C-alpha atoms as a PDB file:
ATOM      1  CA  MET A   1     -23.555 -37.994  42.713  1.00  0.00           C
ATOM      2  CA  SER A   2     -22.701 -35.996  45.814  1.00  0.00           C
ATOM      3  CA  LEU A   3     -23.251 -32.254  46.123  1.00  0.00           C
ATOM      4  CA  SER A   4     -19.491 -31.718  45.889  1.00  0.00           C
ATOM      5  CA  GLU A   5     -19.238 -33.760  42.672  1.00  0.00           C
ATOM      6  CA  ALA A   6     -22.245 -31.951  41.189  1.00  0.00           C
ATOM      7  CA  GLU A   7     -20.718 -28.561  42.016  1.00  0.00           C
ATOM      8  CA  PHE A   8     -17.399 -29.562  40.462  1.00  0.00           C
ATOM      9  CA  ALA A   9     -19.105 -30.827  37.289  1.00  0.00           C
ATOM     10  CA  THR A  10     -21.196 -27.674  37.011  1.00  0.00           C
ATOM     11  CA  LEU A  11     -18.157 -25.435  37.469  1.00  0.00           C
ATOM     12  CA  ARG A  12     -16.189 -27.312  34.795  1.00  0.00           C
ATOM     13  CA  GLN A  13     -19.179 -27.048  32.420  1.00  0.00           C
ATOM     14  CA  THR A  14     -19.379 -23.331  33.151  1.00  0.00           C
ATOM     15  CA  ILE A  15     -15.699 -22.904  32.290  1.00  0.00           C
ATOM     16  CA  ALA A  16     -16.165 -24.817  29.029  1.00  0.00           C
ATOM     17  CA  MET A  17     -19.255 -22.844  28.020  1.00  0.00           C
ATOM     18  CA  ARG A  18     -17.807 -19.433  28.847  1.00  0.00           C
ATOM     19  CA  GLY A  19     -14.562 -20.297  27.098  1.00  0.00           C
ATOM     20  CA  THR A  20     -16.443 -21.253  23.945  1.00  0.00           C
ATOM     21  CA  VAL A  21     -18.659 -18.156  24.046  1.00  0.00           C
ATOM     22  CA  ARG A  22     -15.603 -15.944  24.552  1.00  0.00           C
ATOM     23  CA  ILE A  23     -13.936 -17.339  21.446  1.00  0.00           C
ATOM     24  CA  LEU A  24     -17.121 -17.063  19.369  1.00  0.00           C
ATOM     25  CA  LEU A  25     -17.643 -13.452  20.426  1.00  0.00           C
ATOM     26  CA  LEU A  26     -14.457 -12.339  18.676  1.00  0.00           C
ATOM     27  CA  PRO A  27     -15.564 -13.061  15.099  1.00  0.00           C
ATOM     28  CA  VAL A  28     -19.120 -11.890  15.853  1.00  0.00           C
ATOM     29  CA  THR A  29     -17.747  -8.603  17.194  1.00  0.00           C
ATOM     30  CA  LEU A  30     -15.355  -8.133  14.297  1.00  0.00           C
ATOM     31  CA  VAL A  31     -18.019  -8.860  11.687  1.00  0.00           C
ATOM     32  CA  GLY A  32     -20.450  -6.436  13.353  1.00  0.00           C
ATOM     33  CA  TRP A  33     -17.760  -3.802  13.669  1.00  0.00           C
ATOM     34  CA  SER A  34     -16.527  -4.183  10.081  1.00  0.00           C
ATOM     35  CA  LEU A  35     -20.046  -3.977   8.640  1.00  0.00           C
ATOM     36  CA  LEU A  36     -20.786  -0.831  10.618  1.00  0.00           C
ATOM     37  CA  ALA A  37     -17.376   0.718   9.846  1.00  0.00           C
ATOM     38  CA  GLY A  38     -17.851  -0.072   6.151  1.00  0.00           C
ATOM     39  CA  ALA A  39     -21.271   1.572   6.166  1.00  0.00           C
ATOM     40  CA  LEU A  40     -19.764   4.604   7.871  1.00  0.00           C
ATOM     41  CA  VAL A  41     -17.061   4.876   5.206  1.00  0.00           C
ATOM     42  CA  LEU A  42     -19.659   4.726   2.449  1.00  0.00           C
ATOM     43  CA  PHE A  43     -22.504   6.799   3.881  1.00  0.00           C
ATOM     44  CA  ASN A  44     -21.271   8.912   6.788  1.00  0.00           C
ATOM     45  CA  ASP A  45     -20.096  12.465   6.541  1.00  0.00           C
ATOM     46  CA  LEU A  46     -19.607  13.080  10.266  1.00  0.00           C
ATOM     47  CA  PRO A  47     -16.285  12.049  11.859  1.00  0.00           C
ATOM     48  CA  VAL A  48     -17.982  11.347  15.190  1.00  0.00           C
ATOM     49  CA  GLY A  49     -19.843   8.506  13.475  1.00  0.00           C
ATOM     50  CA  ALA A  50     -16.717   6.421  14.060  1.00  0.00           C
ATOM     51  CA  LEU A  51     -17.697   6.358  17.730  1.00  0.00           C
ATOM     52  CA  LEU A  52     -20.601   4.049  16.822  1.00  0.00           C
ATOM     53  CA  SER A  53     -18.316   1.404  15.391  1.00  0.00           C
ATOM     54  CA  LEU A  54     -15.895   1.954  18.279  1.00  0.00           C
ATOM     55  CA  ALA A  55     -18.786   1.179  20.635  1.00  0.00           C
ATOM     56  CA  VAL A  56     -19.172  -2.218  18.950  1.00  0.00           C
ATOM     57  CA  LEU A  57     -15.487  -2.947  19.571  1.00  0.00           C
ATOM     58  CA  ILE A  58     -15.755  -1.815  23.182  1.00  0.00           C
ATOM     59  CA  GLY A  59     -18.859  -3.910  23.810  1.00  0.00           C
ATOM     60  CA  GLY A  60     -17.271  -6.988  22.286  1.00  0.00           C
ATOM     61  CA  PHE A  61     -14.050  -6.554  24.224  1.00  0.00           C
ATOM     62  CA  GLU A  62     -15.792  -5.957  27.546  1.00  0.00           C
ATOM     63  CA  SER A  63     -17.899  -9.079  27.035  1.00  0.00           C
ATOM     64  CA  ILE A  64     -14.829 -11.172  26.241  1.00  0.00           C
ATOM     65  CA  HIS A  65     -12.986  -9.656  29.189  1.00  0.00           C
ATOM     66  CA  ALA A  66     -15.839 -10.400  31.626  1.00  0.00           C
ATOM     67  CA  LEU A  67     -16.075 -14.003  30.423  1.00  0.00           C
ATOM     68  CA  HIS A  68     -12.312 -14.468  30.742  1.00  0.00           C
ATOM     69  CA  VAL A  69     -12.186 -13.012  34.256  1.00  0.00           C
ATOM     70  CA  GLY A  70     -15.061 -15.265  35.311  1.00  0.00           C
ATOM     71  CA  VAL A  71     -13.454 -18.387  33.875  1.00  0.00           C
ATOM     72  CA  GLU A  72     -10.163 -17.645  35.598  1.00  0.00           C
ATOM     73  CA  ARG A  73     -11.927 -16.985  38.905  1.00  0.00           C
ATOM     74  CA  ILE A  74     -13.832 -20.263  38.724  1.00  0.00           C
ATOM     75  CA  GLY A  75     -10.594 -22.037  37.828  1.00  0.00           C
ATOM     76  CA  ARG A  76      -8.814 -20.705  40.908  1.00  0.00           C
ATOM     77  CA  TYR A  77     -11.814 -21.676  43.070  1.00  0.00           C
ATOM     78  CA  ILE A  78     -11.627 -25.223  41.711  1.00  0.00           C
ATOM     79  CA  GLN A  79      -7.886 -25.263  42.224  1.00  0.00           C
ATOM     80  CA  VAL A  80      -8.138 -24.306  45.891  1.00  0.00           C
ATOM     81  CA  PHE A  81     -11.295 -26.108  46.941  1.00  0.00           C
ATOM     82  CA  TYR A  82     -11.109 -29.273  44.798  1.00  0.00           C
ATOM     83  CA  GLU A  83      -7.455 -29.937  44.016  1.00  0.00           C
ATOM     84  CA  GLY A  84      -6.007 -30.101  47.489  1.00  0.00           C
ATOM     85  CA  THR A  85      -5.720 -33.879  47.602  1.00  0.00           C
ATOM     86  CA  SER A  86      -3.564 -36.189  45.538  1.00  0.00           C
ATOM     87  CA  ASP A  87      -6.527 -38.340  44.503  1.00  0.00           C
ATOM     88  CA  GLY A  88      -8.619 -35.399  43.268  1.00  0.00           C
ATOM     89  CA  PRO A  89      -8.571 -33.600  39.930  1.00  0.00           C
ATOM     90  CA  GLN A  90      -5.410 -31.670  39.065  1.00  0.00           C
ATOM     91  CA  TRP A  91      -6.393 -29.861  35.851  1.00  0.00           C
ATOM     92  CA  GLU A  92      -6.167 -26.287  37.136  1.00  0.00           C
ATOM     93  CA  THR A  93      -2.965 -26.843  39.118  1.00  0.00           C
ATOM     94  CA  THR A  94      -1.281 -28.553  36.180  1.00  0.00           C
ATOM     95  CA  THR A  95      -2.424 -25.917  33.697  1.00  0.00           C
ATOM     96  CA  MET A  96      -1.201 -23.103  35.903  1.00  0.00           C
ATOM     97  CA  ALA A  97       2.195 -24.786  36.300  1.00  0.00           C
ATOM     98  CA  VAL A  98       2.628 -25.321  32.551  1.00  0.00           C
ATOM     99  CA  GLY A  99       1.358 -21.913  31.382  1.00  0.00           C
ATOM    100  CA  PRO A 100       4.328 -19.681  32.269  1.00  0.00           C
ATOM    101  CA  ALA A 101       6.808 -22.130  30.754  1.00  0.00           C
ATOM    102  CA  LEU A 102       5.378 -21.793  27.246  1.00  0.00           C
ATOM    103  CA  PRO A 103       7.947 -20.396  24.801  1.00  0.00           C
ATOM    104  CA  GLY A 104       6.823 -17.060  23.381  1.00  0.00           C
ATOM    105  CA  GLY A 105       4.471 -16.256  26.249  1.00  0.00           C
ATOM    106  CA  GLY A 106       1.466 -18.279  25.146  1.00  0.00           C
ATOM    107  CA  VAL A 107      -1.784 -16.860  23.832  1.00  0.00           C
ATOM    108  CA  ASP A 108      -3.606 -13.575  24.335  1.00  0.00           C
ATOM    109  CA  PRO A 109      -6.927 -14.683  25.868  1.00  0.00           C
ATOM    110  CA  LEU A 110      -8.373 -11.184  25.546  1.00  0.00           C
ATOM    111  CA  PHE A 111      -7.367 -10.741  21.893  1.00  0.00           C
ATOM    112  CA  THR A 112      -5.956  -7.318  22.776  1.00  0.00           C
ATOM    113  CA  VAL A 113      -3.711  -7.098  19.707  1.00  0.00           C
ATOM    114  CA  VAL A 114      -6.698  -7.794  17.439  1.00  0.00           C
ATOM    115  CA  PHE A 115      -8.805  -5.189  19.243  1.00  0.00           C
ATOM    116  CA  ALA A 116      -5.981  -2.626  19.131  1.00  0.00           C
ATOM    117  CA  ALA A 117      -5.549  -3.146  15.378  1.00  0.00           C
ATOM    118  CA  ALA A 118      -9.299  -2.818  14.811  1.00  0.00           C
ATOM    119  CA  THR A 119      -9.330   0.343  16.931  1.00  0.00           C
ATOM    120  CA  ILE A 120      -6.621   1.910  14.793  1.00  0.00           C
ATOM    121  CA  ALA A 121      -8.445   0.865  11.608  1.00  0.00           C
ATOM    122  CA  ASN A 122     -11.609   2.336  13.079  1.00  0.00           C
ATOM    123  CA  LEU A 123     -10.089   5.796  12.743  1.00  0.00           C
ATOM    124  CA  ILE A 124     -10.493   5.577   8.948  1.00  0.00           C
ATOM    125  CA  PRO A 125     -14.235   6.414   9.014  1.00  0.00           C
ATOM    126  CA  ALA A 126     -13.382   9.429  11.179  1.00  0.00           C
ATOM    127  CA  LEU A 127     -10.591  10.707   8.923  1.00  0.00           C
ATOM    128  CA  LEU A 128     -12.338  10.409   5.562  1.00  0.00           C
ATOM    129  CA  PRO A 129     -14.838  13.264   6.092  1.00  0.00           C
ATOM    130  CA  GLN A 130     -11.882  15.613   6.788  1.00  0.00           C
ATOM    131  CA  PRO A 131     -12.595  16.429  10.424  1.00  0.00           C
ATOM    132  CA  VAL A 132     -11.888  19.739  12.068  1.00  0.00           C
ATOM    133  CA  PRO A 133      -9.304  19.583  14.881  1.00  0.00           C
ATOM    134  CA  LEU A 134     -11.948  19.484  17.614  1.00  0.00           C
ATOM    135  CA  GLU A 135     -13.723  16.505  16.019  1.00  0.00           C
ATOM    136  CA  LEU A 136     -10.437  14.710  15.476  1.00  0.00           C
ATOM    137  CA  GLY A 137      -9.437  15.372  19.084  1.00  0.00           C
ATOM    138  CA  VAL A 138     -12.686  14.009  20.501  1.00  0.00           C
ATOM    139  CA  VAL A 139     -12.728  10.917  18.294  1.00  0.00           C
ATOM    140  CA  GLY A 140      -9.010  10.338  18.854  1.00  0.00           C
ATOM    141  CA  ALA A 141      -9.395  10.671  22.621  1.00  0.00           C
ATOM    142  CA  PHE A 142     -12.090   8.000  22.737  1.00  0.00           C
ATOM    143  CA  HIS A 143      -9.969   5.663  20.623  1.00  0.00           C
ATOM    144  CA  ALA A 144      -6.894   6.331  22.763  1.00  0.00           C
ATOM    145  CA  ALA A 145      -8.892   5.716  25.933  1.00  0.00           C
ATOM    146  CA  PHE A 146      -9.956   2.328  24.592  1.00  0.00           C
ATOM    147  CA  VAL A 147      -6.364   1.394  23.719  1.00  0.00           C
ATOM    148  CA  VAL A 148      -5.359   2.325  27.288  1.00  0.00           C
ATOM    149  CA  ARG A 149      -8.203   0.107  28.553  1.00  0.00           C
ATOM    150  CA  LEU A 150      -6.875  -2.764  26.439  1.00  0.00           C
ATOM    151  CA  ILE A 151      -3.382  -2.372  27.877  1.00  0.00           C
ATOM    152  CA  ARG A 152      -4.649  -2.185  31.461  1.00  0.00           C
ATOM    153  CA  ALA A 153      -6.955  -5.185  31.012  1.00  0.00           C
ATOM    154  CA  ARG A 154      -4.137  -7.245  29.531  1.00  0.00           C
ATOM    155  CA  GLY A 155      -1.901  -6.410  32.493  1.00  0.00           C
ATOM    156  CA  ALA A 156      -4.637  -7.243  34.995  1.00  0.00           C
ATOM    157  CA  ALA A 157      -5.331 -10.543  33.234  1.00  0.00           C
ATOM    158  CA  ALA A 158      -1.647 -11.451  33.464  1.00  0.00           C
ATOM    159  CA  ARG A 159      -1.731 -10.960  37.254  1.00  0.00           C
ATOM    160  CA  GLN A 160      -5.188 -12.394  37.905  1.00  0.00           C
ATOM    161  CA  ARG A 161      -4.300 -16.066  38.389  1.00  0.00           C
ATOM    162  CA  ALA A 162      -1.678 -15.505  41.050  1.00  0.00           C
ATOM    163  CA  VAL A 163      -3.682 -12.844  42.897  1.00  0.00           C
ATOM    164  CA  GLU A 164      -6.904 -14.830  42.978  1.00  0.00           C
ATOM    165  CA  LEU A 165      -5.138 -18.063  43.883  1.00  0.00           C
ATOM    166  CA  GLU A 166      -3.773 -16.375  47.002  1.00  0.00           C
ATOM    167  CA  THR A 167      -7.152 -14.778  47.726  1.00  0.00           C
ATOM    168  CA  PHE A 168      -8.972 -18.117  47.561  1.00  0.00           C
ATOM    169  CA  ARG A 169      -6.292 -19.771  49.702  1.00  0.00           C
ATOM    170  CA  ALA A 170      -6.746 -17.056  52.319  1.00  0.00           C
ATOM    171  CA  LEU A 171     -10.529 -17.390  52.167  1.00  0.00           C
ATOM    172  CA  LYS A 172     -10.296 -21.139  52.552  1.00  0.00           C
ATOM    173  CA  SER A 173      -8.060 -20.874  55.596  1.00  0.00           C
ATOM    174  CA  GLN A 174     -10.389 -18.316  57.224  1.00  0.00           C
ATOM    175  CA  THR A 175     -13.723 -19.836  56.277  1.00  0.00           C
ATOM    176  CA  PHE A 176     -12.832 -23.487  56.402  1.00  0.00           C
ATOM    177  CA  PRO A 177     -10.414 -24.127  59.269  1.00  0.00           C
ATOM    178  CA  PRO A 178      -8.599 -27.443  59.185  1.00  0.00           C
ATOM    179  CA  ARG A 179     -10.721 -30.262  60.535  1.00  0.00           C
ATOM    180  CA  SER A 180      -9.421 -32.484  63.262  1.00  0.00           C
ATOM    181  CA  PRO A 181      -9.463 -36.208  62.475  1.00  0.00           C
ATOM    182  CA  THR A 182     -12.526 -37.962  63.860  1.00  0.00           C
END
C-alpha cells in the first residue's frame, strides 16, 4: 500500500469514527442532562442551579459541533486531493452533489433543534424555585446565549462545505502547482 493509499484509508476511517462518535454523543448528552435536570427539579432550591445542566448541554453540543466540523474538513480535503481523477474515488464529490437536492433540506447534523428544545426545557429547574427577576435574567441570558450559539453554528455548518472546498482548491493550486508531463 502506498503512502497516498494509506493516507486516504486513514482519513476515511477517521470520518467514519468521528461520525459514529458524534451520533453516540447525542443520547449520552441528553441522558446526562436529563438526569442532572431531574435531580435539580427534585433537590435544588436555587434557580442558578439550572446553569449546571445547561453546561452539560453546551459541552455535548460543542463536542458534536467540533466532530462535525472536523469530518467536513477532512471530506473536503479528500475531495480536492484524492478525487481529481476519473479513476479515483468519488464519494465526497458525489455526496456533495446529491446533498442540496434532497427534498425537505436533509438532516440536521448538529441536532440543533433537539438542543434548542432541551435548552427551553432546561428552564424548568430555574423557574420552579420562584426566582427573583435578577436570577431569572441571569439564567435566561445564559440560555438565550446558547440558543444564539446554536443558530450561528447551524448557519456556519450550512456554509462550511462550499467555503472549505474553495479554500482547499486554492491551497492545492498554490502549494501543488500543476506538474508538467515527464
